[in-house]
Amino acid sequence: MTRLINLVLFLFAFLILMKVMSVLDSIVNIGTAQNLFKALKESLSSKGLDFRKCIAFMSDTTNVMKGVRSGVQKLIKYERPNHLDVGCI
């Protein structure tokens, strides 16, 4: 049962990721976590998607994305403490 739940969560997160990637309409010239996080929120907002309704985050495991002190994941965690970190599969 746990494997099924994990698979469902993965597929749901993947579909959301595809939706987000299709709306990411800005280019980030300086790839800091703060700039990427800001671009993500602005892109979602410009397409009428509410960042506060996001429930999961999936990315590669680079420091800028998964950094425990100031990565994008940590910035999301500040605003959405209950979000799911799906990780890189």
N, C-alpha and C. Protein backbone atom coordinates (compact mmCIF):
# COMPACT_ATOMS: atom_id res chain seq x y z
N MET A 1 0.82 -1.20 0.00
CA MET A 1 0.00 0.00 0.00
C MET A 1 0.87 1.26 0.00
N THR A 2 1.96 1.24 0.78
CA THR A 2 2.84 2.40 0.83
C THR A 2 3.44 2.68 -0.54
N ARG A 3 3.80 1.64 -1.27
CA ARG A 3 4.36 1.83 -2.61
C ARG A 3 3.35 2.49 -3.55
N LEU A 4 2.10 2.09 -3.41
CA LEU A 4 1.04 2.67 -4.23
C LEU A 4 0.86 4.15 -3.90
N ILE A 5 0.86 4.47 -2.62
CA ILE A 5 0.73 5.87 -2.20
C ILE A 5 1.91 6.69 -2.72
N ASN A 6 3.12 6.15 -2.60
CA ASN A 6 4.30 6.84 -3.12
C ASN A 6 4.21 7.05 -4.62
N LEU A 7 3.73 6.04 -5.33
CA LEU A 7 3.58 6.17 -6.78
C LEU A 7 2.56 7.25 -7.13
N VAL A 8 1.44 7.26 -6.44
CA VAL A 8 0.42 8.28 -6.69
C VAL A 8 0.97 9.67 -6.40
N LEU A 9 1.68 9.83 -5.28
CA LEU A 9 2.28 11.12 -4.96
C LEU A 9 3.29 11.54 -6.02
N PHE A 10 4.09 10.58 -6.47
CA PHE A 10 5.07 10.88 -7.51
C PHE A 10 4.39 11.34 -8.79
N LEU A 11 3.38 10.62 -9.22
CA LEU A 11 2.69 10.98 -10.46
C LEU A 11 2.01 12.34 -10.34
N PHE A 12 1.40 12.58 -9.19
CA PHE A 12 0.75 13.87 -8.97
C PHE A 12 1.78 15.01 -9.01
N ALA A 13 2.90 14.81 -8.32
CA ALA A 13 3.96 15.83 -8.32
C ALA A 13 4.52 16.02 -9.71
N PHE A 14 4.66 14.94 -10.46
CA PHE A 14 5.16 15.03 -11.83
C PHE A 14 4.22 15.85 -12.70
N LEU A 15 2.93 15.61 -12.58
CA LEU A 15 1.97 16.37 -13.37
C LEU A 15 2.00 17.85 -13.01
N ILE A 16 2.12 18.14 -11.72
CA ILE A 16 2.21 19.53 -11.29
C ILE A 16 3.48 20.15 -11.83
N LEU A 17 4.58 19.40 -11.78
CA LEU A 17 5.85 19.90 -12.31
C LEU A 17 5.73 20.24 -13.79
N MET A 18 5.07 19.39 -14.55
CA MET A 18 4.90 19.66 -15.97
C MET A 18 4.07 20.92 -16.18
N LYS A 19 3.06 21.12 -15.34
CA LYS A 19 2.25 22.33 -15.41
C LYS A 19 3.09 23.56 -15.09
N VAL A 20 3.91 23.46 -14.05
CA VAL A 20 4.77 24.58 -13.66
C VAL A 20 5.79 24.86 -14.75
N MET A 21 6.40 23.84 -15.29
CA MET A 21 7.41 24.05 -16.33
C MET A 21 6.79 24.70 -17.56
N SER A 22 5.53 24.41 -17.82
CA SER A 22 4.89 25.00 -18.98
C SER A 22 4.56 26.48 -18.76
N VAL A 23 4.54 26.92 -17.50
CA VAL A 23 4.23 28.32 -17.24
C VAL A 23 5.46 29.14 -16.86
N LEU A 24 6.58 28.49 -16.66
CA LEU A 24 7.78 29.22 -16.27
C LEU A 24 8.21 30.08 -17.45
N ASP A 25 7.91 31.36 -17.36
CA ASP A 25 8.09 32.22 -18.51
C ASP A 25 9.19 33.25 -18.34
N SER A 26 10.01 33.11 -17.33
CA SER A 26 11.11 34.05 -17.18
C SER A 26 12.43 33.30 -17.16
N ILE A 27 13.45 33.96 -17.61
CA ILE A 27 14.80 33.40 -17.60
C ILE A 27 15.54 34.01 -16.42
N VAL A 28 16.16 33.15 -15.64
CA VAL A 28 16.91 33.62 -14.48
C VAL A 28 18.39 33.64 -14.87
N ASN A 29 18.93 34.86 -14.98
CA ASN A 29 20.32 34.99 -15.41
C ASN A 29 21.31 34.68 -14.29
N ILE A 30 20.93 34.95 -13.06
CA ILE A 30 21.78 34.64 -11.92
C ILE A 30 21.04 33.58 -11.11
N GLY A 31 21.55 32.35 -11.16
CA GLY A 31 20.83 31.20 -10.62
C GLY A 31 20.95 31.00 -9.13
N THR A 32 20.65 32.03 -8.36
CA THR A 32 20.62 31.85 -6.90
C THR A 32 19.26 31.30 -6.50
N ALA A 33 19.20 30.72 -5.33
CA ALA A 33 17.94 30.18 -4.84
C ALA A 33 16.88 31.28 -4.75
N GLN A 34 17.27 32.45 -4.28
CA GLN A 34 16.32 33.55 -4.15
C GLN A 34 15.77 33.95 -5.52
N ASN A 35 16.62 34.04 -6.53
CA ASN A 35 16.16 34.42 -7.86
C ASN A 35 15.26 33.35 -8.48
N LEU A 36 15.63 32.09 -8.30
CA LEU A 36 14.81 31.01 -8.84
C LEU A 36 13.45 30.94 -8.14
N PHE A 37 13.45 31.12 -6.83
CA PHE A 37 12.21 31.10 -6.06
C PHE A 37 11.31 32.26 -6.48
N LYS A 38 11.88 33.43 -6.65
CA LYS A 38 11.12 34.59 -7.08
C LYS A 38 10.53 34.37 -8.47
N ALA A 39 11.33 33.83 -9.39
CA ALA A 39 10.86 33.57 -10.75
C ALA A 39 9.74 32.53 -10.75
N LEU A 40 9.86 31.51 -9.91
CA LEU A 40 8.83 30.49 -9.82
C LEU A 40 7.51 31.10 -9.34
N LYS A 41 7.57 31.89 -8.27
CA LYS A 41 6.35 32.50 -7.75
C LYS A 41 5.73 33.48 -8.75
N GLU A 42 6.56 34.28 -9.41
CA GLU A 42 6.05 35.24 -10.39
C GLU A 42 5.42 34.53 -11.58
N SER A 43 6.05 33.44 -12.04
CA SER A 43 5.50 32.71 -13.18
C SER A 43 4.18 32.07 -12.84
N LEU A 44 4.08 31.47 -11.65
CA LEU A 44 2.81 30.89 -11.24
C LEU A 44 1.73 31.96 -11.14
N SER A 45 2.08 33.07 -10.54
CA SER A 45 1.12 34.16 -10.36
C SER A 45 0.65 34.73 -11.70
N SER A 46 1.58 34.86 -12.64
CA SER A 46 1.22 35.43 -13.94
C SER A 46 0.25 34.55 -14.72
N LYS A 47 0.20 33.27 -14.36
CA LYS A 47 -0.72 32.34 -15.02
C LYS A 47 -1.95 32.05 -14.18
N GLY A 48 -2.12 32.80 -13.08
CA GLY A 48 -3.30 32.64 -12.25
C GLY A 48 -3.23 31.45 -11.29
N LEU A 49 -2.03 30.92 -11.07
CA LEU A 49 -1.88 29.81 -10.15
C LEU A 49 -1.40 30.34 -8.80
N ASP A 50 -2.01 29.88 -7.74
CA ASP A 50 -1.71 30.36 -6.40
C ASP A 50 -0.60 29.51 -5.77
N PHE A 51 0.54 30.12 -5.50
CA PHE A 51 1.67 29.42 -4.90
C PHE A 51 1.29 28.78 -3.57
N ARG A 52 0.40 29.41 -2.84
CA ARG A 52 0.01 28.89 -1.53
C ARG A 52 -0.73 27.56 -1.62
N LYS A 53 -1.20 27.20 -2.82
CA LYS A 53 -1.89 25.93 -3.00
C LYS A 53 -0.96 24.81 -3.46
N CYS A 54 0.30 25.12 -3.67
CA CYS A 54 1.27 24.09 -4.05
C CYS A 54 1.49 23.16 -2.86
N ILE A 55 1.51 21.87 -3.12
CA ILE A 55 1.66 20.91 -2.02
C ILE A 55 2.97 20.13 -2.08
N ALA A 56 3.68 20.19 -3.20
CA ALA A 56 4.89 19.39 -3.33
C ALA A 56 5.94 20.13 -4.15
N PHE A 57 7.17 19.74 -3.93
CA PHE A 57 8.31 20.32 -4.65
C PHE A 57 9.22 19.19 -5.09
N MET A 58 9.60 19.20 -6.38
CA MET A 58 10.49 18.19 -6.93
C MET A 58 11.58 18.89 -7.72
N SER A 59 12.80 18.50 -7.48
CA SER A 59 13.91 19.06 -8.24
C SER A 59 15.08 18.11 -8.21
N ASP A 60 16.15 18.51 -8.89
CA ASP A 60 17.38 17.74 -8.78
C ASP A 60 18.00 18.02 -7.40
N THR A 61 19.13 17.46 -7.14
CA THR A 61 19.70 17.56 -5.79
C THR A 61 20.87 18.54 -5.70
N THR A 62 20.87 19.55 -6.55
CA THR A 62 21.92 20.55 -6.46
C THR A 62 21.72 21.41 -5.22
N ASN A 63 22.81 22.02 -4.76
CA ASN A 63 22.73 22.84 -3.55
C ASN A 63 21.76 24.00 -3.69
N VAL A 64 21.70 24.60 -4.87
CA VAL A 64 20.81 25.75 -5.03
C VAL A 64 19.35 25.33 -4.89
N MET A 65 19.03 24.10 -5.24
CA MET A 65 17.65 23.63 -5.12
C MET A 65 17.35 23.01 -3.76
N LYS A 66 18.28 22.21 -3.24
CA LYS A 66 18.03 21.44 -2.03
C LYS A 66 18.85 21.89 -0.82
N GLY A 67 19.55 23.02 -0.94
CA GLY A 67 20.37 23.49 0.18
C GLY A 67 19.58 23.62 1.46
N VAL A 68 20.12 23.08 2.55
CA VAL A 68 19.38 23.05 3.82
C VAL A 68 19.28 24.42 4.48
N ARG A 69 20.15 25.35 4.10
CA ARG A 69 20.10 26.69 4.71
C ARG A 69 19.39 27.72 3.83
N SER A 70 19.63 27.65 2.53
CA SER A 70 19.06 28.71 1.69
C SER A 70 18.70 28.23 0.29
N GLY A 71 18.46 26.95 0.11
CA GLY A 71 18.03 26.45 -1.19
C GLY A 71 16.59 26.79 -1.49
N VAL A 72 16.17 26.55 -2.71
CA VAL A 72 14.79 26.82 -3.10
C VAL A 72 13.83 26.04 -2.19
N GLN A 73 14.19 24.78 -1.90
CA GLN A 73 13.34 23.98 -1.02
C GLN A 73 13.17 24.65 0.34
N LYS A 74 14.23 25.20 0.89
CA LYS A 74 14.16 25.85 2.20
C LYS A 74 13.30 27.11 2.13
N LEU A 75 13.41 27.86 1.03
CA LEU A 75 12.59 29.06 0.86
C LEU A 75 11.11 28.70 0.75
N ILE A 76 10.81 27.61 0.07
CA ILE A 76 9.43 27.14 -0.01
C ILE A 76 8.95 26.73 1.38
N LYS A 77 9.82 26.04 2.11
CA LYS A 77 9.48 25.57 3.46
C LYS A 77 9.14 26.72 4.39
N TYR A 78 9.81 27.87 4.22
CA TYR A 78 9.49 29.04 5.04
C TYR A 78 8.05 29.50 4.83
N GLU A 79 7.61 29.46 3.57
CA GLU A 79 6.25 29.94 3.26
C GLU A 79 5.20 28.84 3.32
N ARG A 80 5.61 27.62 3.04
CA ARG A 80 4.70 26.48 3.03
C ARG A 80 5.28 25.36 3.87
N PRO A 81 5.20 25.45 5.20
CA PRO A 81 5.87 24.48 6.07
C PRO A 81 5.44 23.03 5.87
N ASN A 82 4.25 22.80 5.34
CA ASN A 82 3.75 21.44 5.19
C ASN A 82 3.90 20.87 3.79
N HIS A 83 4.66 21.54 2.94
CA HIS A 83 4.80 21.03 1.57
C HIS A 83 5.59 19.72 1.59
N LEU A 84 5.38 18.91 0.55
CA LEU A 84 6.08 17.65 0.42
C LEU A 84 7.32 17.86 -0.44
N ASP A 85 8.44 17.35 0.03
CA ASP A 85 9.65 17.36 -0.78
C ASP A 85 9.78 15.99 -1.41
N VAL A 86 9.43 15.92 -2.68
CA VAL A 86 9.41 14.64 -3.37
C VAL A 86 10.82 14.15 -3.66
N GLY A 87 11.72 15.05 -3.92
CA GLY A 87 13.10 14.65 -4.22
C GLY A 87 13.26 14.20 -5.65
N CYS A 88 14.44 13.87 -5.99
CA CYS A 88 14.76 13.43 -7.35
C CYS A 88 14.68 11.91 -7.40
N ILE A 89 13.86 11.40 -8.30
CA ILE A 89 13.67 9.96 -8.40
C ILE A 89 14.27 9.47 -9.70
